[in-house]
Amino acid sequence: MMKAKRRGIIRKLKLLIIGLLVAALFSGIIFPYSIFSVYPTVAVETNEMRQQKYKEDLAVLQSLYEEKALQPDYVVSYSISLLALYEMSWLTDFNRPMKRAQWGQILTNVQSAKNALIHLGFQESMLSTEAKMYLEQMVDLLMHMEETVAYHINKQGTYSRKRINIAISNLQNDIAFSLGLYTRFWQEYYNDK
């Protein structure tokens, strides 16, 4: 009688352990950034046309930067941190996986770019009204992106793969929009000179 009871308890314990392992494996698949995930990576899904447009816009900014880099001024020197944000591999490479640790680097780059723009706004008193408008919009957008990325870093363990892909897509859109704003700011600033 005791042996049968013991076997029943051992069998229930085995089923419980198997059930917990299956649940952990399942949560690692559905929630890629959870603590149970063996490979905490999400494939970044990018629209090919959007990716091509982004690369073209980035090439325009890089050529503007290289043109003025020989005679650096405040705008050129503060543009380095923005280029670091815009040239991140998950933005420029097609279908590149994004690891959980990269969110911290994104947050650092967004904060650095925001700080550079704020310093640029205080350093340059010779900005036109339109250039100031672009700069203000960029700072607002980067502050929003900073809050969003910080929120996702804190909550990403509970995010499903679909929700992470939506967050990445929204972040790509915001960064692409800020790239356009900064290119227009750059052109406006140097057209006035």
Protein backbone atom coordinates (compact mmCIF):
# COMPACT_ATOMS: atom_id res chain seq x y z
CA MET A 1 0.00 0.00 0.00
CA MET A 2 2.82 2.43 0.86
CA LYS A 3 4.72 1.54 -2.29
CA ALA A 4 1.69 2.24 -4.46
CA LYS A 5 1.16 5.56 -2.71
CA ARG A 6 4.86 6.44 -3.10
CA ARG A 7 4.77 5.54 -6.81
CA GLY A 8 1.70 7.74 -7.25
CA ILE A 9 3.47 10.67 -5.58
CA ILE A 10 6.63 10.12 -7.65
CA ARG A 11 4.57 9.95 -10.85
CA LYS A 12 2.72 13.16 -9.95
CA LEU A 13 6.04 14.84 -9.15
CA LYS A 14 7.48 13.74 -12.52
CA LEU A 15 4.40 15.06 -14.33
CA LEU A 16 4.67 18.34 -12.42
CA ILE A 17 8.37 18.72 -13.34
CA ILE A 18 7.66 17.87 -16.99
CA GLY A 19 4.76 20.33 -16.99
CA LEU A 20 6.95 23.09 -15.54
CA LEU A 21 9.69 22.42 -18.10
CA VAL A 22 7.19 22.51 -20.98
CA ALA A 23 5.69 25.75 -19.62
CA ALA A 24 9.17 27.30 -19.33
CA LEU A 25 10.05 26.24 -22.86
CA PHE A 26 6.73 27.52 -24.19
CA SER A 27 7.13 30.88 -22.42
CA GLY A 28 10.65 31.18 -23.87
CA ILE A 29 9.20 30.81 -27.36
CA ILE A 30 6.21 33.12 -26.92
CA PHE A 31 8.04 35.64 -24.71
CA PRO A 32 11.55 35.80 -26.24
CA TYR A 33 12.96 38.22 -23.66
CA SER A 34 11.70 36.29 -20.62
CA ILE A 35 14.11 34.79 -18.11
CA PHE A 36 13.25 31.34 -19.45
CA SER A 37 14.30 32.15 -22.98
CA VAL A 38 17.41 30.29 -24.08
CA TYR A 39 18.10 32.58 -27.04
CA PRO A 40 16.67 36.05 -26.20
CA THR A 41 16.55 37.40 -29.74
CA VAL A 42 13.79 38.72 -31.98
CA ALA A 43 14.10 38.92 -35.75
CA VAL A 44 13.64 42.54 -36.81
CA GLU A 45 11.08 42.57 -39.59
CA THR A 46 11.72 45.45 -41.95
CA ASN A 47 9.82 46.60 -44.97
CA GLU A 48 12.20 46.52 -47.92
CA MET A 49 10.98 49.84 -49.34
CA ARG A 50 11.21 51.55 -45.95
CA GLN A 51 14.69 50.11 -45.45
CA GLN A 52 15.83 51.39 -48.86
CA LYS A 53 14.40 54.87 -48.16
CA TYR A 54 16.11 54.93 -44.76
CA LYS A 55 19.47 53.99 -46.29
CA GLU A 56 19.07 56.72 -48.91
CA ASP A 57 18.23 59.33 -46.27
CA LEU A 58 21.16 58.19 -44.15
CA ALA A 59 23.49 58.43 -47.16
CA VAL A 60 22.33 62.02 -47.71
CA LEU A 61 23.08 62.95 -44.10
CA GLN A 62 26.44 61.17 -44.19
CA SER A 63 27.44 63.01 -47.37
CA LEU A 64 26.41 66.34 -45.80
CA TYR A 65 28.42 65.46 -42.72
CA GLU A 66 31.52 64.43 -44.70
CA GLU A 67 31.29 67.63 -46.74
CA LYS A 68 31.45 69.79 -43.58
CA ALA A 69 33.67 67.53 -41.44
CA LEU A 70 36.85 69.21 -42.72
CA GLN A 71 35.71 72.54 -41.25
CA PRO A 72 33.97 71.43 -38.06
CA ASP A 73 31.64 73.73 -36.20
CA TYR A 74 29.11 73.07 -33.45
CA VAL A 75 26.63 71.32 -35.72
CA VAL A 76 29.27 68.97 -37.12
CA SER A 77 30.69 68.12 -33.71
CA TYR A 78 27.28 67.41 -32.19
CA SER A 79 26.25 65.32 -35.19
CA ILE A 80 28.55 62.46 -34.18
CA SER A 81 26.14 61.17 -31.53
CA LEU A 82 23.23 61.42 -33.95
CA LEU A 83 25.12 59.47 -36.58
CA ALA A 84 25.83 56.79 -33.94
CA LEU A 85 22.07 56.48 -33.44
CA TYR A 86 21.22 56.44 -37.13
CA GLU A 87 23.96 53.97 -38.09
CA MET A 88 22.98 51.24 -35.61
CA SER A 89 23.15 47.85 -37.32
CA TRP A 90 19.54 46.85 -36.62
CA LEU A 91 18.44 49.94 -38.56
CA THR A 92 20.78 49.61 -41.53
CA ASP A 93 20.97 45.83 -42.02
CA PHE A 94 18.04 43.95 -43.52
CA ASN A 95 16.33 41.39 -41.22
CA ARG A 96 18.91 41.52 -38.47
CA PRO A 97 18.06 39.85 -35.15
CA MET A 98 17.77 42.12 -32.13
CA LYS A 99 19.04 40.87 -28.79
CA ARG A 100 17.68 41.95 -25.45
CA ALA A 101 20.96 43.69 -24.58
CA GLN A 102 20.71 45.98 -27.62
CA TRP A 103 17.83 47.89 -26.04
CA GLY A 104 20.27 49.34 -23.51
CA GLN A 105 22.53 50.53 -26.33
CA ILE A 106 19.54 52.07 -28.10
CA LEU A 107 18.61 53.94 -24.93
CA THR A 108 22.19 55.19 -24.52
CA ASN A 109 22.33 56.38 -28.14
CA VAL A 110 18.94 58.12 -27.89
CA GLN A 111 19.98 59.88 -24.67
CA SER A 112 23.29 60.93 -26.20
CA ALA A 113 21.57 62.29 -29.31
CA LYS A 114 19.00 64.16 -27.20
CA ASN A 115 21.74 65.71 -25.06
CA ALA A 116 23.70 66.74 -28.16
CA LEU A 117 20.64 68.46 -29.63
CA ILE A 118 19.93 70.27 -26.37
CA HIS A 119 23.54 71.47 -26.20
CA LEU A 120 23.38 72.46 -29.85
CA GLY A 121 20.27 74.52 -29.18
CA PHE A 122 22.07 76.43 -26.42
CA GLN A 123 25.37 76.83 -28.31
CA GLU A 124 24.06 78.24 -31.54
CA SER A 125 22.41 81.62 -31.22
CA MET A 126 22.45 82.11 -34.97
CA LEU A 127 19.77 79.54 -35.77
CA SER A 128 16.97 80.59 -38.05
CA THR A 129 13.40 80.23 -36.85
CA GLU A 130 12.89 77.21 -39.09
CA ALA A 131 16.11 75.54 -37.91
CA LYS A 132 15.04 76.09 -34.29
CA MET A 133 11.67 74.52 -35.11
CA TYR A 134 13.34 71.38 -36.51
CA LEU A 135 15.65 71.22 -33.50
CA GLU A 136 12.73 71.53 -31.08
CA GLN A 137 10.76 68.81 -32.88
CA MET A 138 13.81 66.53 -32.76
CA VAL A 139 14.31 67.06 -29.03
CA ASP A 140 10.62 66.35 -28.39
CA LEU A 141 10.76 63.21 -30.53
CA LEU A 142 13.95 61.96 -28.86
CA MET A 143 12.47 62.57 -25.40
CA HIS A 144 9.45 60.49 -26.42
CA MET A 145 11.72 57.77 -27.82
CA GLU A 146 13.78 57.78 -24.60
CA GLU A 147 10.67 57.25 -22.49
CA THR A 148 9.40 54.53 -24.81
CA VAL A 149 12.70 52.61 -24.90
CA ALA A 150 13.11 52.87 -21.10
CA TYR A 151 9.56 51.57 -20.65
CA HIS A 152 10.22 48.64 -23.01
CA ILE A 153 13.46 47.78 -21.22
CA ASN A 154 11.58 47.54 -17.93
CA LYS A 155 8.65 45.54 -19.35
CA GLN A 156 10.25 43.48 -22.12
CA GLY A 157 10.36 40.22 -20.14
CA THR A 158 6.58 40.14 -20.25
CA TYR A 159 6.24 41.12 -23.92
CA SER A 160 5.21 38.63 -26.54
CA ARG A 161 7.15 38.32 -29.79
CA LYS A 162 4.39 40.21 -31.62
CA ARG A 163 4.40 43.10 -29.17
CA ILE A 164 8.19 43.37 -29.37
CA ASN A 165 8.00 43.46 -33.18
CA ILE A 166 5.43 46.27 -32.98
CA ALA A 167 7.65 48.20 -30.56
CA ILE A 168 10.67 47.74 -32.86
CA SER A 169 8.66 48.84 -35.89
CA ASN A 170 7.43 51.95 -34.08
CA LEU A 171 10.97 52.75 -32.99
CA GLN A 172 12.23 52.33 -36.56
CA ASN A 173 9.55 54.77 -37.74
CA ASP A 174 10.45 57.31 -35.05
CA ILE A 175 14.17 57.11 -35.83
CA ALA A 176 13.52 57.41 -39.57
CA PHE A 177 11.34 60.47 -38.93
CA SER A 178 14.02 62.04 -36.72
CA LEU A 179 16.61 61.37 -39.44
CA GLY A 180 14.46 63.34 -41.88
CA LEU A 181 14.04 66.17 -39.38
CA TYR A 182 17.76 66.33 -38.68
CA THR A 183 18.61 66.34 -42.39
CA ARG A 184 16.19 69.25 -42.90
CA PHE A 185 17.65 71.02 -39.86
CA TRP A 186 21.16 70.53 -41.27
CA GLN A 187 20.18 71.86 -44.68
CA GLU A 188 18.35 74.83 -43.17
CA TYR A 189 21.26 75.66 -40.90
CA TYR A 190 23.87 75.61 -43.67
CA ASN A 191 21.61 77.34 -46.22
CA ASP A 192 21.48 80.35 -43.89
CA LYS A 193 25.30 80.54 -43.75
